Amino acid sequence: MAEVDGDWDCTAETPMGEQRFTLSVTSRGDRFDGRLSGALGAIDVADGQRDGDTLRWSMGISSPLPLMLTCEATIAGDVLDGTVQAGGFGRFPVRGQRRG
């Protein structure tokens, strides 16, 4: 099982263009706490779940419009690879690299 804790420098490819953010993860067994920080501000992870090397979570944003995002990412070493589902706007790739 991969080590998932730490800070991840991530990029999501969205209809608004490339969105860069930092994902901070602290795991607790099959759960995790997290926070995203980027151009849209800071957002706490809601319902962070861990299944082996895979993280699943949701988060609400208010800008540019109120929306619930559903996210899933797999960790392999120092690489994060996943998707963000933005309601009816579709699913977008997200990739990250462990900081440090």
PDB file of N, CA and C in Angstrom:
ATOM      1  N   MET A   1       0.846  -1.175   0.000  1.00  0.00           N
ATOM      2  CA  MET A   1       0.000   0.000   0.000  1.00  0.00           C
ATOM      3  C   MET A   1       0.896   1.245   0.000  1.00  0.00           C
ATOM      4  N   ALA A   2       0.584   2.197  -0.856  1.00  0.00           N
ATOM      5  CA  ALA A   2       1.382   3.414  -1.005  1.00  0.00           C
ATOM      6  C   ALA A   2       1.181   4.356   0.177  1.00  0.00           C
ATOM      7  N   GLU A   3       2.186   5.140   0.464  1.00  0.00           N
ATOM      8  CA  GLU A   3       2.078   6.210   1.449  1.00  0.00           C
ATOM      9  C   GLU A   3       1.321   7.362   0.793  1.00  0.00           C
ATOM     10  N   VAL A   4       0.190   7.778   1.375  1.00  0.00           N
ATOM     11  CA  VAL A   4      -0.633   8.821   0.761  1.00  0.00           C
ATOM     12  C   VAL A   4      -0.507  10.163   1.473  1.00  0.00           C
ATOM     13  N   ASP A   5      -0.002  10.148   2.713  1.00  0.00           N
ATOM     14  CA  ASP A   5       0.081  11.382   3.490  1.00  0.00           C
ATOM     15  C   ASP A   5       1.087  12.350   2.887  1.00  0.00           C
ATOM     16  N   GLY A   6       0.790  13.625   3.036  1.00  0.00           N
ATOM     17  CA  GLY A   6       1.705  14.662   2.580  1.00  0.00           C
ATOM     18  C   GLY A   6       1.002  15.707   1.756  1.00  0.00           C
ATOM     19  N   ASP A   7       1.795  16.562   1.138  1.00  0.00           N
ATOM     20  CA  ASP A   7       1.290  17.634   0.279  1.00  0.00           C
ATOM     21  C   ASP A   7       1.553  17.262  -1.171  1.00  0.00           C
ATOM     22  N   TRP A   8       0.529  17.437  -1.991  1.00  0.00           N
ATOM     23  CA  TRP A   8       0.585  17.075  -3.407  1.00  0.00           C
ATOM     24  C   TRP A   8       0.336  18.322  -4.252  1.00  0.00           C
ATOM     25  N   ASP A   9       1.258  18.637  -5.162  1.00  0.00           N
ATOM     26  CA  ASP A   9       1.071  19.728  -6.118  1.00  0.00           C
ATOM     27  C   ASP A   9       0.315  19.145  -7.310  1.00  0.00           C
ATOM     28  N   CYS A  10      -0.916  19.636  -7.521  1.00  0.00           N
ATOM     29  CA  CYS A  10      -1.827  19.026  -8.503  1.00  0.00           C
ATOM     30  C   CYS A  10      -2.268  20.012  -9.566  1.00  0.00           C
ATOM     31  N   THR A  11      -2.704  19.441 -10.691  1.00  0.00           N
ATOM     32  CA  THR A  11      -3.273  20.201 -11.796  1.00  0.00           C
ATOM     33  C   THR A  11      -4.492  19.459 -12.307  1.00  0.00           C
ATOM     34  N   ALA A  12      -5.605  20.178 -12.453  1.00  0.00           N
ATOM     35  CA  ALA A  12      -6.823  19.624 -13.050  1.00  0.00           C
ATOM     36  C   ALA A  12      -7.067  20.340 -14.373  1.00  0.00           C
ATOM     37  N   GLU A  13      -7.403  19.566 -15.399  1.00  0.00           N
ATOM     38  CA  GLU A  13      -7.728  20.136 -16.715  1.00  0.00           C
ATOM     39  C   GLU A  13      -9.240  20.336 -16.763  1.00  0.00           C
ATOM     40  N   THR A  14      -9.703  21.589 -16.727  1.00  0.00           N
ATOM     41  CA  THR A  14     -11.134  21.889 -16.651  1.00  0.00           C
ATOM     42  C   THR A  14     -11.556  22.775 -17.824  1.00  0.00           C
ATOM     43  N   PRO A  15     -12.869  22.954 -18.020  1.00  0.00           N
ATOM     44  CA  PRO A  15     -13.326  23.873 -19.069  1.00  0.00           C
ATOM     45  C   PRO A  15     -12.858  25.310 -18.831  1.00  0.00           C
ATOM     46  N   MET A  16     -12.500  25.637 -17.580  1.00  0.00           N
ATOM     47  CA  MET A  16     -11.990  26.974 -17.254  1.00  0.00           C
ATOM     48  C   MET A  16     -10.479  27.048 -17.440  1.00  0.00           C
ATOM     49  N   GLY A  17      -9.905  25.981 -17.989  1.00  0.00           N
ATOM     50  CA  GLY A  17      -8.460  25.935 -18.178  1.00  0.00           C
ATOM     51  C   GLY A  17      -7.802  25.131 -17.072  1.00  0.00           C
ATOM     52  N   GLU A  18      -6.490  25.149 -17.084  1.00  0.00           N
ATOM     53  CA  GLU A  18      -5.715  24.403 -16.113  1.00  0.00           C
ATOM     54  C   GLU A  18      -5.867  25.040 -14.727  1.00  0.00           C
ATOM     55  N   GLN A  19      -6.265  24.233 -13.737  1.00  0.00           N
ATOM     56  CA  GLN A  19      -6.417  24.699 -12.363  1.00  0.00           C
ATOM     57  C   GLN A  19      -5.351  24.028 -11.503  1.00  0.00           C
ATOM     58  N   ARG A  20      -4.487  24.824 -10.894  1.00  0.00           N
ATOM     59  CA  ARG A  20      -3.417  24.300 -10.035  1.00  0.00           C
ATOM     60  C   ARG A  20      -3.836  24.451  -8.579  1.00  0.00           C
ATOM     61  N   PHE A  21      -3.504  23.445  -7.771  1.00  0.00           N
ATOM     62  CA  PHE A  21      -3.825  23.486  -6.353  1.00  0.00           C
ATOM     63  C   PHE A  21      -2.914  22.537  -5.592  1.00  0.00           C
ATOM     64  N   THR A  22      -2.878  22.707  -4.288  1.00  0.00           N
ATOM     65  CA  THR A  22      -2.154  21.801  -3.404  1.00  0.00           C
ATOM     66  C   THR A  22      -3.177  21.009  -2.607  1.00  0.00           C
ATOM     67  N   LEU A  23      -3.019  19.695  -2.585  1.00  0.00           N
ATOM     68  CA  LEU A  23      -3.856  18.809  -1.786  1.00  0.00           C
ATOM     69  C   LEU A  23      -3.022  18.309  -0.617  1.00  0.00           C
ATOM     70  N   SER A  24      -3.468  18.591   0.601  1.00  0.00           N
ATOM     71  CA  SER A  24      -2.794  18.107   1.810  1.00  0.00           C
ATOM     72  C   SER A  24      -3.604  16.949   2.370  1.00  0.00           C
ATOM     73  N   VAL A  25      -2.942  15.809   2.615  1.00  0.00           N
ATOM     74  CA  VAL A  25      -3.618  14.574   3.036  1.00  0.00           C
ATOM     75  C   VAL A  25      -3.008  14.062   4.335  1.00  0.00           C
ATOM     76  N   THR A  26      -3.884  13.706   5.287  1.00  0.00           N
ATOM     77  CA  THR A  26      -3.495  13.013   6.510  1.00  0.00           C
ATOM     78  C   THR A  26      -4.444  11.836   6.672  1.00  0.00           C
ATOM     79  N   SER A  27      -3.919  10.615   6.516  1.00  0.00           N
ATOM     80  CA  SER A  27      -4.784   9.425   6.558  1.00  0.00           C
ATOM     81  C   SER A  27      -4.964   8.922   7.986  1.00  0.00           C
ATOM     82  N   ARG A  28      -6.110   8.242   8.196  1.00  0.00           N
ATOM     83  CA  ARG A  28      -6.462   7.618   9.470  1.00  0.00           C
ATOM     84  C   ARG A  28      -7.111   6.285   9.143  1.00  0.00           C
ATOM     85  N   GLY A  29      -6.311   5.271   8.838  1.00  0.00           N
ATOM     86  CA  GLY A  29      -6.876   3.979   8.453  1.00  0.00           C
ATOM     87  C   GLY A  29      -7.540   4.065   7.096  1.00  0.00           C
ATOM     88  N   ASP A  30      -8.861   3.777   7.048  1.00  0.00           N
ATOM     89  CA  ASP A  30      -9.577   3.816   5.772  1.00  0.00           C
ATOM     90  C   ASP A  30     -10.241   5.170   5.519  1.00  0.00           C
ATOM     91  N   ARG A  31      -9.859   6.189   6.278  1.00  0.00           N
ATOM     92  CA  ARG A  31     -10.378   7.559   6.115  1.00  0.00           C
ATOM     93  C   ARG A  31      -9.183   8.500   5.956  1.00  0.00           C
ATOM     94  N   PHE A  32      -9.449   9.714   5.501  1.00  0.00           N
ATOM     95  CA  PHE A  32      -8.397  10.729   5.503  1.00  0.00           C
ATOM     96  C   PHE A  32      -9.007  12.112   5.628  1.00  0.00           C
ATOM     97  N   ASP A  33      -8.231  13.006   6.209  1.00  0.00           N
ATOM     98  CA  ASP A  33      -8.566  14.426   6.275  1.00  0.00           C
ATOM     99  C   ASP A  33      -7.740  15.109   5.213  1.00  0.00           C
ATOM    100  N   GLY A  34      -8.288  16.166   4.637  1.00  0.00           N
ATOM    101  CA  GLY A  34      -7.536  16.862   3.608  1.00  0.00           C
ATOM    102  C   GLY A  34      -8.020  18.276   3.401  1.00  0.00           C
ATOM    103  N   ARG A  35      -7.218  19.030   2.684  1.00  0.00           N
ATOM    104  CA  ARG A  35      -7.528  20.418   2.365  1.00  0.00           C
ATOM    105  C   ARG A  35      -6.888  20.751   1.025  1.00  0.00           C
ATOM    106  N   LEU A  36      -7.655  21.413   0.174  1.00  0.00           N
ATOM    107  CA  LEU A  36      -7.138  21.902  -1.102  1.00  0.00           C
ATOM    108  C   LEU A  36      -6.936  23.400  -0.991  1.00  0.00           C
ATOM    109  N   SER A  37      -5.820  23.881  -1.513  1.00  0.00           N
ATOM    110  CA  SER A  37      -5.526  25.310  -1.515  1.00  0.00           C
ATOM    111  C   SER A  37      -5.089  25.698  -2.913  1.00  0.00           C
ATOM    112  N   GLY A  38      -5.697  26.760  -3.428  1.00  0.00           N
ATOM    113  CA  GLY A  38      -5.356  27.212  -4.769  1.00  0.00           C
ATOM    114  C   GLY A  38      -5.973  28.556  -5.072  1.00  0.00           C
ATOM    115  N   ALA A  39      -6.120  28.848  -6.354  1.00  0.00           N
ATOM    116  CA  ALA A  39      -6.633  30.142  -6.807  1.00  0.00           C
ATOM    117  C   ALA A  39      -8.053  30.413  -6.300  1.00  0.00           C
ATOM    118  N   LEU A  40      -8.843  29.355  -6.059  1.00  0.00           N
ATOM    119  CA  LEU A  40     -10.217  29.538  -5.586  1.00  0.00           C
ATOM    120  C   LEU A  40     -10.292  29.588  -4.065  1.00  0.00           C
ATOM    121  N   GLY A  41      -9.147  29.600  -3.394  1.00  0.00           N
ATOM    122  CA  GLY A  41      -9.119  29.637  -1.937  1.00  0.00           C
ATOM    123  C   GLY A  41      -8.807  28.277  -1.360  1.00  0.00           C
ATOM    124  N   ALA A  42      -9.199  28.071  -0.108  1.00  0.00           N
ATOM    125  CA  ALA A  42      -8.962  26.810   0.588  1.00  0.00           C
ATOM    126  C   ALA A  42     -10.284  26.091   0.809  1.00  0.00           C
ATOM    127  N   ILE A  43     -10.293  24.781   0.542  1.00  0.00           N
ATOM    128  CA  ILE A  43     -11.504  23.968   0.644  1.00  0.00           C
ATOM    129  C   ILE A  43     -11.165  22.709   1.419  1.00  0.00           C
ATOM    130  N   ASP A  44     -11.963  22.416   2.455  1.00  0.00           N
ATOM    131  CA  ASP A  44     -11.767  21.177   3.205  1.00  0.00           C
ATOM    132  C   ASP A  44     -12.377  19.997   2.457  1.00  0.00           C
ATOM    133  N   VAL A  45     -11.680  18.870   2.514  1.00  0.00           N
ATOM    134  CA  VAL A  45     -12.180  17.622   1.945  1.00  0.00           C
ATOM    135  C   VAL A  45     -13.337  17.145   2.815  1.00  0.00           C
ATOM    136  N   ALA A  46     -14.414  16.706   2.170  1.00  0.00           N
ATOM    137  CA  ALA A  46     -15.540  16.111   2.890  1.00  0.00           C
ATOM    138  C   ALA A  46     -15.559  14.613   2.604  1.00  0.00           C
ATOM    139  N   ASP A  47     -15.782  13.825   3.627  1.00  0.00           N
ATOM    140  CA  ASP A  47     -15.950  12.382   3.477  1.00  0.00           C
ATOM    141  C   ASP A  47     -14.757  11.726   2.782  1.00  0.00           C
ATOM    142  N   GLY A  48     -13.546  12.014   3.252  1.00  0.00           N
ATOM    143  CA  GLY A  48     -12.340  11.419   2.665  1.00  0.00           C
ATOM    144  C   GLY A  48     -12.242   9.937   2.982  1.00  0.00           C
ATOM    145  N   GLN A  49     -12.201   9.111   1.947  1.00  0.00           N
ATOM    146  CA  GLN A  49     -12.108   7.659   2.098  1.00  0.00           C
ATOM    147  C   GLN A  49     -10.854   7.140   1.417  1.00  0.00           C
ATOM    148  N   ARG A  50     -10.247   6.134   2.058  1.00  0.00           N
ATOM    149  CA  ARG A  50      -9.053   5.512   1.487  1.00  0.00           C
ATOM    150  C   ARG A  50      -9.307   4.030   1.321  1.00  0.00           C
ATOM    151  N   ASP A  51      -9.023   3.533   0.116  1.00  0.00           N
ATOM    152  CA  ASP A  51      -9.123   2.107  -0.191  1.00  0.00           C
ATOM    153  C   ASP A  51      -7.791   1.701  -0.807  1.00  0.00           C
ATOM    154  N   GLY A  52      -6.865   1.253   0.036  1.00  0.00           N
ATOM    155  CA  GLY A  52      -5.526   0.910  -0.450  1.00  0.00           C
ATOM    156  C   GLY A  52      -4.819   2.146  -0.959  1.00  0.00           C
ATOM    157  N   ASP A  53      -4.494   2.168  -2.251  1.00  0.00           N
ATOM    158  CA  ASP A  53      -3.782   3.284  -2.872  1.00  0.00           C
ATOM    159  C   ASP A  53      -4.733   4.315  -3.483  1.00  0.00           C
ATOM    160  N   THR A  54      -6.047   4.133  -3.296  1.00  0.00           N
ATOM    161  CA  THR A  54      -7.039   5.020  -3.907  1.00  0.00           C
ATOM    162  C   THR A  54      -7.703   5.902  -2.861  1.00  0.00           C
ATOM    163  N   LEU A  55      -7.781   7.191  -3.168  1.00  0.00           N
ATOM    164  CA  LEU A  55      -8.476   8.167  -2.327  1.00  0.00           C
ATOM    165  C   LEU A  55      -9.744   8.598  -3.032  1.00  0.00           C
ATOM    166  N   ARG A  56     -10.841   8.728  -2.258  1.00  0.00           N
ATOM    167  CA  ARG A  56     -12.119   9.242  -2.784  1.00  0.00           C
ATOM    168  C   ARG A  56     -12.622  10.303  -1.822  1.00  0.00           C
ATOM    169  N   TRP A  57     -13.102  11.421  -2.380  1.00  0.00           N
ATOM    170  CA  TRP A  57     -13.621  12.487  -1.535  1.00  0.00           C
ATOM    171  C   TRP A  57     -14.541  13.389  -2.334  1.00  0.00           C
ATOM    172  N   SER A  58     -15.227  14.250  -1.604  1.00  0.00           N
ATOM    173  CA  SER A  58     -16.054  15.264  -2.243  1.00  0.00           C
ATOM    174  C   SER A  58     -15.707  16.605  -1.607  1.00  0.00           C
ATOM    175  N   MET A  59     -16.109  17.663  -2.278  1.00  0.00           N
ATOM    176  CA  MET A  59     -15.894  19.009  -1.752  1.00  0.00           C
ATOM    177  C   MET A  59     -16.820  19.974  -2.457  1.00  0.00           C
ATOM    178  N   GLY A  60     -17.284  20.935  -1.719  1.00  0.00           N
ATOM    179  CA  GLY A  60     -18.162  21.946  -2.289  1.00  0.00           C
ATOM    180  C   GLY A  60     -17.386  23.208  -2.602  1.00  0.00           C
ATOM    181  N   ILE A  61     -17.650  23.770  -3.773  1.00  0.00           N
ATOM    182  CA  ILE A  61     -17.050  25.061  -4.129  1.00  0.00           C
ATOM    183  C   ILE A  61     -18.167  26.074  -4.305  1.00  0.00           C
ATOM    184  N   SER A  62     -17.827  27.351  -4.147  1.00  0.00           N
ATOM    185  CA  SER A  62     -18.826  28.410  -4.309  1.00  0.00           C
ATOM    186  C   SER A  62     -18.498  29.330  -5.474  1.00  0.00           C
ATOM    187  N   SER A  63     -17.274  29.214  -6.000  1.00  0.00           N
ATOM    188  CA  SER A  63     -16.860  30.077  -7.096  1.00  0.00           C
ATOM    189  C   SER A  63     -16.230  29.218  -8.189  1.00  0.00           C
ATOM    190  N   PRO A  64     -16.496  29.418  -9.431  1.00  0.00           N
ATOM    191  CA  PRO A  64     -17.273  30.514  -9.999  1.00  0.00           C
ATOM    192  C   PRO A  64     -18.778  30.330  -9.833  1.00  0.00           C
ATOM    193  N   LEU A  65     -19.224  29.115  -9.412  1.00  0.00           N
ATOM    194  CA  LEU A  65     -20.626  28.892  -9.088  1.00  0.00           C
ATOM    195  C   LEU A  65     -20.697  27.754  -8.078  1.00  0.00           C
ATOM    196  N   PRO A  66     -21.756  27.711  -7.266  1.00  0.00           N
ATOM    197  CA  PRO A  66     -21.866  26.630  -6.278  1.00  0.00           C
ATOM    198  C   PRO A  66     -21.943  25.270  -6.970  1.00  0.00           C
ATOM    199  N   LEU A  67     -21.085  24.352  -6.529  1.00  0.00           N
ATOM    200  CA  LEU A  67     -21.012  23.047  -7.175  1.00  0.00           C
ATOM    201  C   LEU A  67     -20.375  22.044  -6.224  1.00  0.00           C
ATOM    202  N   MET A  68     -20.854  20.807  -6.239  1.00  0.00           N
ATOM    203  CA  MET A  68     -20.236  19.730  -5.480  1.00  0.00           C
ATOM    204  C   MET A  68     -19.339  18.958  -6.430  1.00  0.00           C
ATOM    205  N   LEU A  69     -18.085  18.782  -6.049  1.00  0.00           N
ATOM    206  CA  LEU A  69     -17.123  18.031  -6.838  1.00  0.00           C
ATOM    207  C   LEU A  69     -16.904  16.675  -6.181  1.00  0.00           C
ATOM    208  N   THR A  70     -16.846  15.626  -6.986  1.00  0.00           N
ATOM    209  CA  THR A  70     -16.565  14.271  -6.515  1.00  0.00           C
ATOM    210  C   THR A  70     -15.240  13.854  -7.128  1.00  0.00           C
ATOM    211  N   CYS A  71     -14.296  13.453  -6.275  1.00  0.00           N
ATOM    212  CA  CYS A  71     -12.931  13.211  -6.731  1.00  0.00           C
ATOM    213  C   CYS A  71     -12.472  11.795  -6.390  1.00  0.00           C
ATOM    214  N   GLU A  72     -11.593  11.265  -7.237  1.00  0.00           N
ATOM    215  CA  GLU A  72     -10.959   9.979  -7.000  1.00  0.00           C
ATOM    216  C   GLU A  72      -9.550  10.050  -7.562  1.00  0.00           C
ATOM    217  N   ALA A  73      -8.583   9.548  -6.784  1.00  0.00           N
ATOM    218  CA  ALA A  73      -7.194   9.564  -7.237  1.00  0.00           C
ATOM    219  C   ALA A  73      -6.469   8.336  -6.712  1.00  0.00           C
ATOM    220  N   THR A  74      -5.574   7.809  -7.536  1.00  0.00           N
ATOM    221  CA  THR A  74      -4.742   6.676  -7.151  1.00  0.00           C
ATOM    222  C   THR A  74      -3.317   7.174  -6.971  1.00  0.00           C
ATOM    223  N   ILE A  75      -2.672   6.695  -5.905  1.00  0.00           N
ATOM    224  CA  ILE A  75      -1.297   7.077  -5.587  1.00  0.00           C
ATOM    225  C   ILE A  75      -0.373   5.936  -5.994  1.00  0.00           C
ATOM    226  N   ALA A  76       0.683   6.264  -6.735  1.00  0.00           N
ATOM    227  CA  ALA A  76       1.723   5.299  -7.092  1.00  0.00           C
ATOM    228  C   ALA A  76       3.057   5.986  -6.832  1.00  0.00           C
ATOM    229  N   GLY A  77       3.685   5.658  -5.703  1.00  0.00           N
ATOM    230  CA  GLY A  77       4.937   6.320  -5.334  1.00  0.00           C
ATOM    231  C   GLY A  77       4.688   7.776  -5.048  1.00  0.00           C
ATOM    232  N   ASP A  78       5.308   8.661  -5.829  1.00  0.00           N
ATOM    233  CA  ASP A  78       5.156  10.101  -5.642  1.00  0.00           C
ATOM    234  C   ASP A  78       4.255  10.732  -6.697  1.00  0.00           C
ATOM    235  N   VAL A  79       3.418   9.906  -7.356  1.00  0.00           N
ATOM    236  CA  VAL A  79       2.532  10.389  -8.414  1.00  0.00           C
ATOM    237  C   VAL A  79       1.078  10.134  -8.037  1.00  0.00           C
ATOM    238  N   LEU A  80       0.241  11.139  -8.247  1.00  0.00           N
ATOM    239  CA  LEU A  80      -1.200  11.055  -8.032  1.00  0.00           C
ATOM    240  C   LEU A  80      -1.859  11.171  -9.397  1.00  0.00           C
ATOM    241  N   ASP A  81      -2.820  10.294  -9.691  1.00  0.00           N
ATOM    242  CA  ASP A  81      -3.510  10.307 -10.976  1.00  0.00           C
ATOM    243  C   ASP A  81      -4.978  10.021 -10.724  1.00  0.00           C
ATOM    244  N   GLY A  82      -5.872  10.912 -11.194  1.00  0.00           N
ATOM    245  CA  GLY A  82      -7.284  10.696 -10.919  1.00  0.00           C
ATOM    246  C   GLY A  82      -8.201  11.553 -11.756  1.00  0.00           C
ATOM    247  N   THR A  83      -9.436  11.721 -11.228  1.00  0.00           N
ATOM    248  CA  THR A  83     -10.453  12.499 -11.921  1.00  0.00           C
ATOM    249  C   THR A  83     -11.254  13.329 -10.923  1.00  0.00           C
ATOM    250  N   VAL A  84     -11.850  14.390 -11.455  1.00  0.00           N
ATOM    251  CA  VAL A  84     -12.784  15.230 -10.720  1.00  0.00           C
ATOM    252  C   VAL A  84     -14.085  15.242 -11.512  1.00  0.00           C
ATOM    253  N   GLN A  85     -15.186  14.844 -10.870  1.00  0.00           N
ATOM    254  CA  GLN A  85     -16.515  14.911 -11.490  1.00  0.00           C
ATOM    255  C   GLN A  85     -17.159  16.208 -11.018  1.00  0.00           C
ATOM    256  N   ALA A  86     -17.484  17.088 -11.960  1.00  0.00           N
ATOM    257  CA  ALA A  86     -18.050  18.404 -11.642  1.00  0.00           C
ATOM    258  C   ALA A  86     -19.519  18.449 -12.041  1.00  0.00           C
ATOM    259  N   GLY A  87     -20.342  17.677 -11.327  1.00  0.00           N
ATOM    260  CA  GLY A  87     -21.776  17.657 -11.616  1.00  0.00           C
ATOM    261  C   GLY A  87     -22.033  17.364 -13.077  1.00  0.00           C
ATOM    262  N   GLY A  88     -22.938  18.127 -13.691  1.00  0.00           N
ATOM    263  CA  GLY A  88     -23.292  17.951 -15.089  1.00  0.00           C
ATOM    264  C   GLY A  88     -22.255  18.489 -16.061  1.00  0.00           C
ATOM    265  N   PHE A  89     -21.175  19.073 -15.545  1.00  0.00           N
ATOM    266  CA  PHE A  89     -20.144  19.639 -16.416  1.00  0.00           C
ATOM    267  C   PHE A  89     -19.145  18.599 -16.896  1.00  0.00           C
ATOM    268  N   GLY A  90     -19.203  17.395 -16.337  1.00  0.00           N
ATOM    269  CA  GLY A  90     -18.338  16.323 -16.812  1.00  0.00           C
ATOM    270  C   GLY A  90     -17.244  15.937 -15.842  1.00  0.00           C
ATOM    271  N   ARG A  91     -16.402  15.039 -16.321  1.00  0.00           N
ATOM    272  CA  ARG A  91     -15.288  14.482 -15.548  1.00  0.00           C
ATOM    273  C   ARG A  91     -13.979  14.968 -16.176  1.00  0.00           C
ATOM    274  N   PHE A  92     -13.059  15.398 -15.313  1.00  0.00           N
ATOM    275  CA  PHE A  92     -11.812  15.982 -15.783  1.00  0.00           C
ATOM    276  C   PHE A  92     -10.614  15.313 -15.122  1.00  0.00           C
ATOM    277  N   PRO A  93      -9.507  15.175 -15.847  1.00  0.00           N
ATOM    278  CA  PRO A  93      -8.316  14.556 -15.258  1.00  0.00           C
ATOM    279  C   PRO A  93      -7.628  15.453 -14.250  1.00  0.00           C
ATOM    280  N   VAL A  94      -7.061  14.834 -13.226  1.00  0.00           N
ATOM    281  CA  VAL A  94      -6.238  15.541 -12.256  1.00  0.00           C
ATOM    282  C   VAL A  94      -4.973  14.717 -12.048  1.00  0.00           C
ATOM    283  N   ARG A  95      -3.839  15.401 -12.000  1.00  0.00           N
ATOM    284  CA  ARG A  95      -2.557  14.741 -11.803  1.00  0.00           C
ATOM    285  C   ARG A  95      -1.779  15.524 -10.767  1.00  0.00           C
ATOM    286  N   GLY A  96      -0.926  14.802 -10.036  1.00  0.00           N
ATOM    287  CA  GLY A  96      -0.157  15.498  -9.007  1.00  0.00           C
ATOM    288  C   GLY A  96       1.166  14.818  -8.737  1.00  0.00           C
ATOM    289  N   GLN A  97       2.026  15.569  -8.067  1.00  0.00           N
ATOM    290  CA  GLN A  97       3.348  15.121  -7.671  1.00  0.00           C
ATOM    291  C   GLN A  97       3.529  15.436  -6.192  1.00  0.00           C
ATOM    292  N   ARG A  98       4.044  14.464  -5.424  1.00  0.00           N
ATOM    293  CA  ARG A  98       4.272  14.694  -4.006  1.00  0.00           C
ATOM    294  C   ARG A  98       5.307  15.804  -3.831  1.00  0.00           C
ATOM    295  N   ARG A  99       5.034  16.717  -2.943  1.00  0.00           N
ATOM    296  CA  ARG A  99       5.957  17.812  -2.653  1.00  0.00           C
ATOM    297  C   ARG A  99       7.057  17.287  -1.737  1.00  0.00           C
ATOM    298  N   GLY A 100       8.265  17.758  -1.975  1.00  0.00           N
ATOM    299  CA  GLY A 100       9.355  17.396  -1.070  1.00  0.00           C
ATOM    300  C   GLY A 100      10.316  16.549  -1.732  1.00  0.00           C
TER     301      GLY A 100
END
